[in-house]
Amino acid sequence: MKNRTHPLAPVPYGPVPSRRQLLWHRRKFYGFLHFTTTTFTDLEWGYGDESPNLFAPTAFDADQIVRTAVEAGMSGLILTCKHHDGFCLWPSRYTEHSVKN
Protein backbone atom coordinates (compact mmCIF):
# COMPACT_ATOMS: atom_id res chain seq x y z
CA MET A 1 0.00 0.00 0.00
CA LYS A 2 2.91 2.38 0.56
CA ASN A 3 3.76 2.45 -3.15
CA ARG A 4 0.17 3.01 -4.32
CA THR A 5 -0.16 6.32 -6.19
CA HIS A 6 -3.92 6.20 -6.79
CA PRO A 7 -6.57 5.82 -4.11
CA LEU A 8 -8.81 2.78 -4.25
CA ALA A 9 -12.22 3.27 -5.83
CA PRO A 10 -15.03 3.36 -3.28
CA VAL A 11 -17.05 0.20 -2.84
CA PRO A 12 -20.60 0.61 -4.28
CA TYR A 13 -23.19 1.26 -1.60
CA GLY A 14 -26.93 0.98 -2.11
CA PRO A 15 -28.53 0.87 -5.56
CA VAL A 16 -26.04 1.09 -8.42
CA PRO A 17 -27.22 2.82 -11.62
CA SER A 18 -27.65 0.66 -14.69
CA ARG A 19 -25.74 1.31 -17.90
CA ARG A 20 -28.90 2.89 -19.38
CA GLN A 21 -29.24 5.25 -16.42
CA LEU A 22 -25.60 6.30 -16.70
CA LEU A 23 -26.06 6.99 -20.44
CA TRP A 24 -29.11 9.12 -19.61
CA HIS A 25 -26.99 11.35 -17.37
CA ARG A 26 -24.57 12.00 -20.23
CA ARG A 27 -27.29 13.83 -22.12
CA LYS A 28 -26.28 17.39 -21.49
CA PHE A 29 -29.15 19.66 -22.47
CA TYR A 30 -32.76 18.64 -22.99
CA GLY A 31 -35.86 20.79 -23.14
CA PHE A 32 -39.17 20.16 -21.38
CA LEU A 33 -42.31 21.18 -23.24
CA HIS A 34 -45.38 21.97 -21.17
CA PHE A 35 -48.21 22.32 -23.69
CA THR A 36 -51.59 22.61 -21.99
CA THR A 37 -54.65 24.83 -21.60
CA THR A 38 -52.65 27.57 -19.88
CA THR A 39 -50.52 27.84 -23.03
CA PHE A 40 -53.48 29.77 -24.41
CA THR A 41 -54.24 31.94 -21.36
CA ASP A 42 -50.86 33.61 -20.73
CA LEU A 43 -50.92 32.13 -17.23
CA GLU A 44 -47.94 30.31 -15.80
CA TRP A 45 -49.95 28.10 -13.48
CA GLY A 46 -53.12 26.10 -14.10
CA TYR A 47 -55.45 24.66 -11.49
CA GLY A 48 -57.37 22.13 -13.57
CA ASP A 49 -60.53 24.20 -13.72
CA GLU A 50 -59.73 25.68 -17.13
CA SER A 51 -62.09 24.79 -19.93
CA PRO A 52 -60.69 22.10 -22.26
CA ASN A 53 -62.01 24.29 -25.08
CA LEU A 54 -59.11 26.68 -24.42
CA PHE A 55 -56.74 24.12 -25.88
CA ALA A 56 -56.82 25.19 -29.53
CA PRO A 57 -53.42 24.78 -31.21
CA THR A 58 -54.47 26.22 -34.58
CA ALA A 59 -51.04 27.70 -35.35
CA PHE A 60 -48.93 24.87 -33.88
CA ASP A 61 -45.53 24.62 -35.56
CA ALA A 62 -43.52 21.61 -34.34
CA ASP A 63 -40.70 22.42 -36.77
CA GLN A 64 -40.27 25.87 -35.20
CA ILE A 65 -40.06 24.34 -31.73
CA VAL A 66 -37.45 21.82 -32.87
CA ARG A 67 -35.44 24.48 -34.75
CA THR A 68 -35.36 26.66 -31.65
CA ALA A 69 -34.25 23.73 -29.49
CA VAL A 70 -31.47 22.82 -31.93
CA GLU A 71 -30.32 26.45 -32.15
CA ALA A 72 -30.17 26.53 -28.35
CA GLY A 73 -27.93 23.46 -28.38
CA MET A 74 -30.48 20.99 -27.04
CA SER A 75 -30.07 17.36 -28.01
CA GLY A 76 -33.67 16.39 -27.34
CA LEU A 77 -37.11 17.40 -26.11
CA ILE A 78 -39.43 15.84 -23.56
CA LEU A 79 -43.15 16.54 -23.88
CA THR A 80 -45.07 16.71 -20.62
CA CYS A 81 -48.32 14.97 -21.58
CA LYS A 82 -50.05 15.56 -18.24
CA HIS A 83 -48.92 18.10 -15.69
CA HIS A 84 -50.27 19.17 -12.30
CA ASP A 85 -53.34 20.84 -13.84
CA GLY A 86 -54.52 17.41 -14.99
CA PHE A 87 -55.07 18.25 -18.66
CA CYS A 88 -54.28 15.18 -20.79
CA LEU A 89 -52.72 15.49 -24.24
CA TRP A 90 -54.49 12.27 -25.23
CA PRO A 91 -58.19 11.42 -25.34
CA SER A 92 -58.45 9.92 -21.85
CA ARG A 93 -61.51 7.91 -20.94
CA TYR A 94 -60.93 8.74 -17.26
CA THR A 95 -61.38 12.51 -17.39
CA GLU A 96 -63.14 15.16 -19.40
CA HIS A 97 -60.11 17.42 -18.93
CA SER A 98 -58.34 16.26 -22.09
CA VAL A 99 -57.90 16.89 -25.81
CA LYS A 100 -61.00 14.85 -26.61
CA ASN A 101 -63.13 17.81 -25.51
PDB file of N, CA and C in Angstrom:
ATOM      1  N   MET A   1       0.802  -1.195   0.000  1.00  0.00           N
ATOM      2  CA  MET A   1       0.000   0.000   0.000  1.00  0.00           C
ATOM      3  C   MET A   1       0.850   1.267   0.000  1.00  0.00           C
ATOM      4  N   LYS A   2       2.074   1.188   0.497  1.00  0.00           N
ATOM      5  CA  LYS A   2       2.910   2.381   0.556  1.00  0.00           C
ATOM      6  C   LYS A   2       3.231   2.912  -0.830  1.00  0.00           C
ATOM      7  N   ASN A   3       3.384   2.035  -1.806  1.00  0.00           N
ATOM      8  CA  ASN A   3       3.760   2.449  -3.152  1.00  0.00           C
ATOM      9  C   ASN A   3       2.561   2.823  -4.026  1.00  0.00           C
ATOM     10  N   ARG A   4       1.359   2.706  -3.528  1.00  0.00           N
ATOM     11  CA  ARG A   4       0.165   3.008  -4.316  1.00  0.00           C
ATOM     12  C   ARG A   4       0.082   4.517  -4.562  1.00  0.00           C
ATOM     13  N   THR A   5      -0.075   4.895  -5.846  1.00  0.00           N
ATOM     14  CA  THR A   5      -0.155   6.319  -6.186  1.00  0.00           C
ATOM     15  C   THR A   5      -1.594   6.780  -6.394  1.00  0.00           C
ATOM     16  N   HIS A   6      -2.516   5.839  -6.585  1.00  0.00           N
ATOM     17  CA  HIS A   6      -3.922   6.200  -6.790  1.00  0.00           C
ATOM     18  C   HIS A   6      -4.761   5.615  -5.663  1.00  0.00           C
ATOM     19  N   PRO A   7      -5.709   6.375  -5.168  1.00  0.00           N
ATOM     20  CA  PRO A   7      -6.567   5.819  -4.113  1.00  0.00           C
ATOM     21  C   PRO A   7      -7.470   4.721  -4.684  1.00  0.00           C
ATOM     22  N   LEU A   8      -7.892   3.834  -3.830  1.00  0.00           N
ATOM     23  CA  LEU A   8      -8.814   2.781  -4.247  1.00  0.00           C
ATOM     24  C   LEU A   8     -10.185   3.384  -4.537  1.00  0.00           C
ATOM     25  N   ALA A   9     -10.859   2.820  -5.531  1.00  0.00           N
ATOM     26  CA  ALA A   9     -12.225   3.269  -5.833  1.00  0.00           C
ATOM     27  C   ALA A   9     -13.136   2.875  -4.682  1.00  0.00           C
ATOM     28  N   PRO A  10     -14.120   3.708  -4.369  1.00  0.00           N
ATOM     29  CA  PRO A  10     -15.029   3.359  -3.276  1.00  0.00           C
ATOM     30  C   PRO A  10     -15.860   2.122  -3.641  1.00  0.00           C
ATOM     31  N   VAL A  11     -16.206   1.374  -2.647  1.00  0.00           N
ATOM     32  CA  VAL A  11     -17.055   0.198  -2.843  1.00  0.00           C
ATOM     33  C   VAL A  11     -18.489   0.690  -3.041  1.00  0.00           C
ATOM     34  N   PRO A  12     -19.214   0.176  -4.064  1.00  0.00           N
ATOM     35  CA  PRO A  12     -20.601   0.611  -4.275  1.00  0.00           C
ATOM     36  C   PRO A  12     -21.444   0.386  -3.028  1.00  0.00           C
ATOM     37  N   TYR A  13     -22.300   1.345  -2.752  1.00  0.00           N
ATOM     38  CA  TYR A  13     -23.190   1.257  -1.601  1.00  0.00           C
ATOM     39  C   TYR A  13     -24.600   1.572  -2.068  1.00  0.00           C
ATOM     40  N   GLY A  14     -25.545   0.748  -1.729  1.00  0.00           N
ATOM     41  CA  GLY A  14     -26.932   0.983  -2.113  1.00  0.00           C
ATOM     42  C   GLY A  14     -27.155   0.650  -3.582  1.00  0.00           C
ATOM     43  N   PRO A  15     -28.234   1.157  -4.154  1.00  0.00           N
ATOM     44  CA  PRO A  15     -28.528   0.868  -5.561  1.00  0.00           C
ATOM     45  C   PRO A  15     -27.446   1.441  -6.477  1.00  0.00           C
ATOM     46  N   VAL A  16     -27.048   0.669  -7.443  1.00  0.00           N
ATOM     47  CA  VAL A  16     -26.042   1.090  -8.415  1.00  0.00           C
ATOM     48  C   VAL A  16     -26.757   1.364  -9.733  1.00  0.00           C
ATOM     49  N   PRO A  17     -26.517   2.519 -10.371  1.00  0.00           N
ATOM     50  CA  PRO A  17     -27.216   2.821 -11.619  1.00  0.00           C
ATOM     51  C   PRO A  17     -26.873   1.820 -12.721  1.00  0.00           C
ATOM     52  N   SER A  18     -27.866   1.550 -13.551  1.00  0.00           N
ATOM     53  CA  SER A  18     -27.649   0.660 -14.689  1.00  0.00           C
ATOM     54  C   SER A  18     -26.894   1.412 -15.781  1.00  0.00           C
ATOM     55  N   ARG A  19     -26.440   0.687 -16.771  1.00  0.00           N
ATOM     56  CA  ARG A  19     -25.745   1.313 -17.902  1.00  0.00           C
ATOM     57  C   ARG A  19     -26.663   2.333 -18.582  1.00  0.00           C
ATOM     58  N   ARG A  20     -27.937   1.974 -18.756  1.00  0.00           N
ATOM     59  CA  ARG A  20     -28.904   2.888 -19.377  1.00  0.00           C
ATOM     60  C   ARG A  20     -29.052   4.183 -18.577  1.00  0.00           C
ATOM     61  N   GLN A  21     -29.113   4.067 -17.265  1.00  0.00           N
ATOM     62  CA  GLN A  21     -29.236   5.253 -16.419  1.00  0.00           C
ATOM     63  C   GLN A  21     -27.995   6.134 -16.516  1.00  0.00           C
ATOM     64  N   LEU A  22     -26.833   5.518 -16.566  1.00  0.00           N
ATOM     65  CA  LEU A  22     -25.600   6.297 -16.705  1.00  0.00           C
ATOM     66  C   LEU A  22     -25.563   7.019 -18.052  1.00  0.00           C
ATOM     67  N   LEU A  23     -26.004   6.349 -19.118  1.00  0.00           N
ATOM     68  CA  LEU A  23     -26.061   6.992 -20.437  1.00  0.00           C
ATOM     69  C   LEU A  23     -27.025   8.171 -20.426  1.00  0.00           C
ATOM     70  N   TRP A  24     -28.137   8.030 -19.706  1.00  0.00           N
ATOM     71  CA  TRP A  24     -29.111   9.125 -19.609  1.00  0.00           C
ATOM     72  C   TRP A  24     -28.457  10.371 -19.013  1.00  0.00           C
ATOM     73  N   HIS A  25     -27.630  10.204 -18.025  1.00  0.00           N
ATOM     74  CA  HIS A  25     -26.990  11.349 -17.371  1.00  0.00           C
ATOM     75  C   HIS A  25     -25.940  12.025 -18.249  1.00  0.00           C
ATOM     76  N   ARG A  26     -25.520  11.370 -19.306  1.00  0.00           N
ATOM     77  CA  ARG A  26     -24.568  11.997 -20.233  1.00  0.00           C
ATOM     78  C   ARG A  26     -25.252  12.969 -21.182  1.00  0.00           C
ATOM     79  N   ARG A  27     -26.552  12.891 -21.259  1.00  0.00           N
ATOM     80  CA  ARG A  27     -27.286  13.827 -22.117  1.00  0.00           C
ATOM     81  C   ARG A  27     -27.225  15.190 -21.447  1.00  0.00           C
ATOM     82  N   LYS A  28     -26.634  16.115 -22.128  1.00  0.00           N
ATOM     83  CA  LYS A  28     -26.282  17.387 -21.494  1.00  0.00           C
ATOM     84  C   LYS A  28     -27.434  18.382 -21.380  1.00  0.00           C
ATOM     85  N   PHE A  29     -28.222  18.539 -22.446  1.00  0.00           N
ATOM     86  CA  PHE A  29     -29.153  19.664 -22.470  1.00  0.00           C
ATOM     87  C   PHE A  29     -30.424  19.260 -23.200  1.00  0.00           C
ATOM     88  N   TYR A  30     -31.453  18.997 -22.447  1.00  0.00           N
ATOM     89  CA  TYR A  30     -32.760  18.636 -22.987  1.00  0.00           C
ATOM     90  C   TYR A  30     -33.751  19.737 -22.648  1.00  0.00           C
ATOM     91  N   GLY A  31     -34.806  19.825 -23.414  1.00  0.00           N
ATOM     92  CA  GLY A  31     -35.863  20.786 -23.140  1.00  0.00           C
ATOM     93  C   GLY A  31     -37.131  20.071 -22.713  1.00  0.00           C
ATOM     94  N   PHE A  32     -37.864  20.669 -21.792  1.00  0.00           N
ATOM     95  CA  PHE A  32     -39.168  20.159 -21.376  1.00  0.00           C
ATOM     96  C   PHE A  32     -40.244  21.043 -21.985  1.00  0.00           C
ATOM     97  N   LEU A  33     -41.199  20.435 -22.652  1.00  0.00           N
ATOM     98  CA  LEU A  33     -42.310  21.176 -23.241  1.00  0.00           C
ATOM     99  C   LEU A  33     -43.554  20.947 -22.400  1.00  0.00           C
ATOM    100  N   HIS A  34     -44.125  22.028 -21.902  1.00  0.00           N
ATOM    101  CA  HIS A  34     -45.383  21.974 -21.173  1.00  0.00           C
ATOM    102  C   HIS A  34     -46.410  22.652 -22.069  1.00  0.00           C
ATOM    103  N   PHE A  35     -47.248  21.854 -22.695  1.00  0.00           N
ATOM    104  CA  PHE A  35     -48.207  22.322 -23.689  1.00  0.00           C
ATOM    105  C   PHE A  35     -49.583  21.931 -23.187  1.00  0.00           C
ATOM    106  N   THR A  36     -50.325  22.905 -22.657  1.00  0.00           N
ATOM    107  CA  THR A  36     -51.587  22.609 -21.992  1.00  0.00           C
ATOM    108  C   THR A  36     -52.553  23.775 -22.167  1.00  0.00           C
ATOM    109  N   THR A  37     -53.647  23.762 -21.448  1.00  0.00           N
ATOM    110  CA  THR A  37     -54.645  24.828 -21.597  1.00  0.00           C
ATOM    111  C   THR A  37     -54.073  26.195 -21.248  1.00  0.00           C
ATOM    112  N   THR A  38     -53.193  26.264 -20.261  1.00  0.00           N
ATOM    113  CA  THR A  38     -52.645  27.569 -19.876  1.00  0.00           C
ATOM    114  C   THR A  38     -51.686  28.136 -20.920  1.00  0.00           C
ATOM    115  N   THR A  39     -51.299  27.327 -21.899  1.00  0.00           N
ATOM    116  CA  THR A  39     -50.518  27.839 -23.027  1.00  0.00           C
ATOM    117  C   THR A  39     -51.302  28.938 -23.739  1.00  0.00           C
ATOM    118  N   PHE A  40     -52.615  28.853 -23.678  1.00  0.00           N
ATOM    119  CA  PHE A  40     -53.483  29.772 -24.415  1.00  0.00           C
ATOM    120  C   PHE A  40     -54.117  30.835 -23.524  1.00  0.00           C
ATOM    121  N   THR A  41     -53.678  30.945 -22.269  1.00  0.00           N
ATOM    122  CA  THR A  41     -54.242  31.945 -21.358  1.00  0.00           C
ATOM    123  C   THR A  41     -53.213  32.947 -20.860  1.00  0.00           C
ATOM    124  N   ASP A  42     -51.949  32.770 -21.230  1.00  0.00           N
ATOM    125  CA  ASP A  42     -50.856  33.610 -20.728  1.00  0.00           C
ATOM    126  C   ASP A  42     -50.688  33.498 -19.216  1.00  0.00           C
ATOM    127  N   LEU A  43     -51.121  32.395 -18.650  1.00  0.00           N
ATOM    128  CA  LEU A  43     -50.918  32.134 -17.227  1.00  0.00           C
ATOM    129  C   LEU A  43     -49.813  31.100 -17.072  1.00  0.00           C
ATOM    130  N   GLU A  44     -49.022  31.265 -16.032  1.00  0.00           N
ATOM    131  CA  GLU A  44     -47.940  30.313 -15.798  1.00  0.00           C
ATOM    132  C   GLU A  44     -48.447  29.057 -15.103  1.00  0.00           C
ATOM    133  N   TRP A  45     -49.499  29.182 -14.331  1.00  0.00           N
ATOM    134  CA  TRP A  45     -49.948  28.096 -13.483  1.00  0.00           C
ATOM    135  C   TRP A  45     -51.411  27.787 -13.759  1.00  0.00           C
ATOM    136  N   GLY A  46     -51.733  26.515 -13.927  1.00  0.00           N
ATOM    137  CA  GLY A  46     -53.119  26.098 -14.102  1.00  0.00           C
ATOM    138  C   GLY A  46     -53.589  25.320 -12.891  1.00  0.00           C
ATOM    139  N   TYR A  47     -54.892  25.338 -12.662  1.00  0.00           N
ATOM    140  CA  TYR A  47     -55.451  24.657 -11.495  1.00  0.00           C
ATOM    141  C   TYR A  47     -56.359  23.491 -11.855  1.00  0.00           C
ATOM    142  N   GLY A  48     -56.524  23.234 -13.155  1.00  0.00           N
ATOM    143  CA  GLY A  48     -57.370  22.130 -13.572  1.00  0.00           C
ATOM    144  C   GLY A  48     -58.817  22.503 -13.763  1.00  0.00           C
ATOM    145  N   ASP A  49     -59.146  23.768 -13.517  1.00  0.00           N
ATOM    146  CA  ASP A  49     -60.532  24.199 -13.718  1.00  0.00           C
ATOM    147  C   ASP A  49     -60.703  24.969 -15.026  1.00  0.00           C
ATOM    148  N   GLU A  50     -59.658  25.009 -15.841  1.00  0.00           N
ATOM    149  CA  GLU A  50     -59.731  25.684 -17.131  1.00  0.00           C
ATOM    150  C   GLU A  50     -60.572  24.838 -18.088  1.00  0.00           C
ATOM    151  N   SER A  51     -61.286  25.497 -18.944  1.00  0.00           N
ATOM    152  CA  SER A  51     -62.095  24.789 -19.932  1.00  0.00           C
ATOM    153  C   SER A  51     -61.188  24.071 -20.930  1.00  0.00           C
ATOM    154  N   PRO A  52     -61.468  22.806 -21.230  1.00  0.00           N
ATOM    155  CA  PRO A  52     -60.691  22.105 -22.257  1.00  0.00           C
ATOM    156  C   PRO A  52     -60.797  22.784 -23.622  1.00  0.00           C
ATOM    157  N   ASN A  53     -61.835  23.578 -23.814  1.00  0.00           N
ATOM    158  CA  ASN A  53     -62.010  24.295 -25.085  1.00  0.00           C
ATOM    159  C   ASN A  53     -60.923  25.333 -25.321  1.00  0.00           C
ATOM    160  N   LEU A  54     -60.214  25.727 -24.266  1.00  0.00           N
ATOM    161  CA  LEU A  54     -59.108  26.682 -24.417  1.00  0.00           C
ATOM    162  C   LEU A  54     -57.967  26.091 -25.236  1.00  0.00           C
ATOM    163  N   PHE A  55     -57.832  24.783 -25.177  1.00  0.00           N
ATOM    164  CA  PHE A  55     -56.735  24.123 -25.882  1.00  0.00           C
ATOM    165  C   PHE A  55     -57.070  24.094 -27.367  1.00  0.00           C
ATOM    166  N   ALA A  56     -56.505  25.047 -28.100  1.00  0.00           N
ATOM    167  CA  ALA A  56     -56.820  25.193 -29.527  1.00  0.00           C
ATOM    168  C   ALA A  56     -55.550  25.521 -30.303  1.00  0.00           C
ATOM    169  N   PRO A  57     -54.693  24.528 -30.530  1.00  0.00           N
ATOM    170  CA  PRO A  57     -53.415  24.782 -31.212  1.00  0.00           C
ATOM    171  C   PRO A  57     -53.570  24.936 -32.726  1.00  0.00           C
ATOM    172  N   THR A  58     -54.221  26.009 -33.147  1.00  0.00           N
ATOM    173  CA  THR A  58     -54.473  26.217 -34.581  1.00  0.00           C
ATOM    174  C   THR A  58     -53.219  26.632 -35.340  1.00  0.00           C
ATOM    175  N   ALA A  59     -52.268  27.248 -34.673  1.00  0.00           N
ATOM    176  CA  ALA A  59     -51.041  27.697 -35.347  1.00  0.00           C
ATOM    177  C   ALA A  59     -49.822  26.925 -34.836  1.00  0.00           C
ATOM    178  N   PHE A  60     -50.016  25.691 -34.428  1.00  0.00           N
ATOM    179  CA  PHE A  60     -48.935  24.874 -33.883  1.00  0.00           C
ATOM    180  C   PHE A  60     -47.884  24.599 -34.955  1.00  0.00           C
ATOM    181  N   ASP A  61     -46.617  24.816 -34.615  1.00  0.00           N
ATOM    182  CA  ASP A  61     -45.526  24.617 -35.564  1.00  0.00           C
ATOM    183  C   ASP A  61     -44.417  23.810 -34.884  1.00  0.00           C
ATOM    184  N   ALA A  62     -44.507  22.490 -34.976  1.00  0.00           N
ATOM    185  CA  ALA A  62     -43.516  21.615 -34.338  1.00  0.00           C
ATOM    186  C   ALA A  62     -42.121  21.868 -34.883  1.00  0.00           C
ATOM    187  N   ASP A  63     -42.023  22.159 -36.176  1.00  0.00           N
ATOM    188  CA  ASP A  63     -40.704  22.422 -36.768  1.00  0.00           C
ATOM    189  C   ASP A  63     -40.039  23.637 -36.133  1.00  0.00           C
ATOM    190  N   GLN A  64     -40.816  24.667 -35.831  1.00  0.00           N
ATOM    191  CA  GLN A  64     -40.271  25.874 -35.198  1.00  0.00           C
ATOM    192  C   GLN A  64     -39.758  25.553 -33.796  1.00  0.00           C
ATOM    193  N   ILE A  65     -40.487  24.726 -33.073  1.00  0.00           N
ATOM    194  CA  ILE A  65     -40.063  24.338 -31.728  1.00  0.00           C
ATOM    195  C   ILE A  65     -38.745  23.563 -31.797  1.00  0.00           C
ATOM    196  N   VAL A  66     -38.664  22.624 -32.730  1.00  0.00           N
ATOM    197  CA  VAL A  66     -37.446  21.820 -32.874  1.00  0.00           C
ATOM    198  C   VAL A  66     -36.279  22.684 -33.336  1.00  0.00           C
ATOM    199  N   ARG A  67     -36.516  23.574 -34.294  1.00  0.00           N
ATOM    200  CA  ARG A  67     -35.442  24.482 -34.752  1.00  0.00           C
ATOM    201  C   ARG A  67     -34.893  25.299 -33.589  1.00  0.00           C
ATOM    202  N   THR A  68     -35.781  25.849 -32.789  1.00  0.00           N
ATOM    203  CA  THR A  68     -35.361  26.664 -31.648  1.00  0.00           C
ATOM    204  C   THR A  68     -34.546  25.838 -30.656  1.00  0.00           C
ATOM    205  N   ALA A  69     -34.983  24.608 -30.405  1.00  0.00           N
ATOM    206  CA  ALA A  69     -34.249  23.732 -29.486  1.00  0.00           C
ATOM    207  C   ALA A  69     -32.857  23.417 -30.028  1.00  0.00           C
ATOM    208  N   VAL A  70     -32.770  23.122 -31.315  1.00  0.00           N
ATOM    209  CA  VAL A  70     -31.474  22.819 -31.934  1.00  0.00           C
ATOM    210  C   VAL A  70     -30.566  24.043 -31.882  1.00  0.00           C
ATOM    211  N   GLU A  71     -31.120  25.217 -32.198  1.00  0.00           N
ATOM    212  CA  GLU A  71     -30.323  26.453 -32.149  1.00  0.00           C
ATOM    213  C   GLU A  71     -29.825  26.748 -30.741  1.00  0.00           C
ATOM    214  N   ALA A  72     -30.582  26.322 -29.736  1.00  0.00           N
ATOM    215  CA  ALA A  72     -30.173  26.530 -28.346  1.00  0.00           C
ATOM    216  C   ALA A  72     -29.156  25.491 -27.887  1.00  0.00           C
ATOM    217  N   GLY A  73     -28.900  24.484 -28.721  1.00  0.00           N
ATOM    218  CA  GLY A  73     -27.930  23.458 -28.376  1.00  0.00           C
ATOM    219  C   GLY A  73     -28.517  22.240 -27.690  1.00  0.00           C
ATOM    220  N   MET A  74     -29.841  22.142 -27.676  1.00  0.00           N
ATOM    221  CA  MET A  74     -30.477  20.987 -27.044  1.00  0.00           C
ATOM    222  C   MET A  74     -30.306  19.753 -27.920  1.00  0.00           C
ATOM    223  N   SER A  75     -30.193  18.608 -27.265  1.00  0.00           N
ATOM    224  CA  SER A  75     -30.068  17.357 -28.011  1.00  0.00           C
ATOM    225  C   SER A  75     -31.360  16.561 -28.002  1.00  0.00           C
ATOM    226  N   GLY A  76     -32.386  17.075 -27.355  1.00  0.00           N
ATOM    227  CA  GLY A  76     -33.674  16.388 -27.341  1.00  0.00           C
ATOM    228  C   GLY A  76     -34.723  17.193 -26.616  1.00  0.00           C
ATOM    229  N   LEU A  77     -35.969  16.753 -26.761  1.00  0.00           N
ATOM    230  CA  LEU A  77     -37.105  17.398 -26.114  1.00  0.00           C
ATOM    231  C   LEU A  77     -37.950  16.344 -25.414  1.00  0.00           C
ATOM    232  N   ILE A  78     -38.529  16.717 -24.292  1.00  0.00           N
ATOM    233  CA  ILE A  78     -39.431  15.840 -23.556  1.00  0.00           C
ATOM    234  C   ILE A  78     -40.762  16.564 -23.430  1.00  0.00           C
ATOM    235  N   LEU A  79     -41.812  15.953 -23.943  1.00  0.00           N
ATOM    236  CA  LEU A  79     -43.147  16.538 -23.880  1.00  0.00           C
ATOM    237  C   LEU A  79     -43.843  16.074 -22.608  1.00  0.00           C
ATOM    238  N   THR A  80     -44.292  17.025 -21.808  1.00  0.00           N
ATOM    239  CA  THR A  80     -45.068  16.708 -20.621  1.00  0.00           C
ATOM    240  C   THR A  80     -46.514  16.518 -21.064  1.00  0.00           C
ATOM    241  N   CYS A  81     -46.986  15.292 -21.050  1.00  0.00           N
ATOM    242  CA  CYS A  81     -48.316  14.971 -21.583  1.00  0.00           C
ATOM    243  C   CYS A  81     -49.429  15.166 -20.566  1.00  0.00           C
ATOM    244  N   LYS A  82     -49.082  15.243 -19.293  1.00  0.00           N
ATOM    245  CA  LYS A  82     -50.054  15.561 -18.241  1.00  0.00           C
ATOM    246  C   LYS A  82     -49.279  16.170 -17.087  1.00  0.00           C
ATOM    247  N   HIS A  83     -49.628  17.401 -16.754  1.00  0.00           N
ATOM    248  CA  HIS A  83     -48.921  18.101 -15.687  1.00  0.00           C
ATOM    249  C   HIS A  83     -49.853  18.223 -14.490  1.00  0.00           C
ATOM    250  N   HIS A  84     -49.503  19.057 -13.537  1.00  0.00           N
ATOM    251  CA  HIS A  84     -50.268  19.174 -12.298  1.00  0.00           C
ATOM    252  C   HIS A  84     -51.698  19.648 -12.506  1.00  0.00           C
ATOM    253  N   ASP A  85     -51.974  20.356 -13.608  1.00  0.00           N
ATOM    254  CA  ASP A  85     -53.345  20.836 -13.836  1.00  0.00           C
ATOM    255  C   ASP A  85     -54.270  19.718 -14.298  1.00  0.00           C
ATOM    256  N   GLY A  86     -53.713  18.566 -14.650  1.00  0.00           N
ATOM    257  CA  GLY A  86     -54.520  17.407 -14.989  1.00  0.00           C
ATOM    258  C   GLY A  86     -54.951  17.300 -16.432  1.00  0.00           C
ATOM    259  N   PHE A  87     -54.649  18.298 -17.262  1.00  0.00           N
ATOM    260  CA  PHE A  87     -55.067  18.248 -18.662  1.00  0.00           C
ATOM    261  C   PHE A  87     -54.251  17.194 -19.403  1.00  0.00           C
ATOM    262  N   CYS A  88     -54.935  16.285 -20.085  1.00  0.00           N
ATOM    263  CA  CYS A  88     -54.280  15.177 -20.791  1.00  0.00           C
ATOM    264  C   CYS A  88     -54.134  15.495 -22.269  1.00  0.00           C
ATOM    265  N   LEU A  89     -52.947  15.295 -22.804  1.00  0.00           N
ATOM    266  CA  LEU A  89     -52.716  15.490 -24.238  1.00  0.00           C
ATOM    267  C   LEU A  89     -53.059  14.233 -25.030  1.00  0.00           C
ATOM    268  N   TRP A  90     -53.945  13.435 -24.518  1.00  0.00           N
ATOM    269  CA  TRP A  90     -54.486  12.275 -25.228  1.00  0.00           C
ATOM    270  C   TRP A  90     -55.958  12.175 -24.839  1.00  0.00           C
ATOM    271  N   PRO A  91     -56.757  11.526 -25.638  1.00  0.00           N
ATOM    272  CA  PRO A  91     -58.190  11.423 -25.342  1.00  0.00           C
ATOM    273  C   PRO A  91     -58.465  10.402 -24.234  1.00  0.00           C
ATOM    274  N   SER A  92     -58.291  10.821 -22.991  1.00  0.00           N
ATOM    275  CA  SER A  92     -58.445   9.924 -21.850  1.00  0.00           C
ATOM    276  C   SER A  92     -59.911   9.563 -21.624  1.00  0.00           C
ATOM    277  N   ARG A  93     -60.149   8.317 -21.284  1.00  0.00           N
ATOM    278  CA  ARG A  93     -61.514   7.907 -20.943  1.00  0.00           C
ATOM    279  C   ARG A  93     -61.794   8.108 -19.457  1.00  0.00           C
ATOM    280  N   TYR A  94     -60.781   8.580 -18.697  1.00  0.00           N
ATOM    281  CA  TYR A  94     -60.928   8.735 -17.259  1.00  0.00           C
ATOM    282  C   TYR A  94     -61.221  10.165 -16.823  1.00  0.00           C
ATOM    283  N   THR A  95     -61.124  11.115 -17.735  1.00  0.00           N
ATOM    284  CA  THR A  95     -61.381  12.511 -17.385  1.00  0.00           C
ATOM    285  C   THR A  95     -61.906  13.259 -18.597  1.00  0.00           C
ATOM    286  N   GLU A  96     -62.669  14.288 -18.325  1.00  0.00           N
ATOM    287  CA  GLU A  96     -63.144  15.165 -19.396  1.00  0.00           C
ATOM    288  C   GLU A  96     -62.128  16.275 -19.671  1.00  0.00           C
ATOM    289  N   HIS A  97     -61.125  16.369 -18.811  1.00  0.00           N
ATOM    290  CA  HIS A  97     -60.108  17.425 -18.925  1.00  0.00           C
ATOM    291  C   HIS A  97     -58.987  16.930 -19.847  1.00  0.00           C
ATOM    292  N   SER A  98     -59.304  16.814 -21.142  1.00  0.00           N
ATOM    293  CA  SER A  98     -58.342  16.263 -22.094  1.00  0.00           C
ATOM    294  C   SER A  98     -58.613  16.795 -23.494  1.00  0.00           C
ATOM    295  N   VAL A  99     -57.763  16.425 -24.431  1.00  0.00           N
ATOM    296  CA  VAL A  99     -57.898  16.895 -25.811  1.00  0.00           C
ATOM    297  C   VAL A  99     -59.160  16.385 -26.488  1.00  0.00           C
ATOM    298  N   LYS A 100     -59.785  15.367 -25.960  1.00  0.00           N
ATOM    299  CA  LYS A 100     -61.001  14.854 -26.608  1.00  0.00           C
ATOM    300  C   LYS A 100     -62.149  15.853 -26.528  1.00  0.00           C
ATOM    301  N   ASN A 101     -62.061  16.814 -25.646  1.00  0.00           N
ATOM    302  CA  ASN A 101     -63.125  17.813 -25.511  1.00  0.00           C
ATOM    303  C   ASN A 101     -62.706  19.118 -26.134  1.00  0.00           C
TER     304      ASN A 101
END
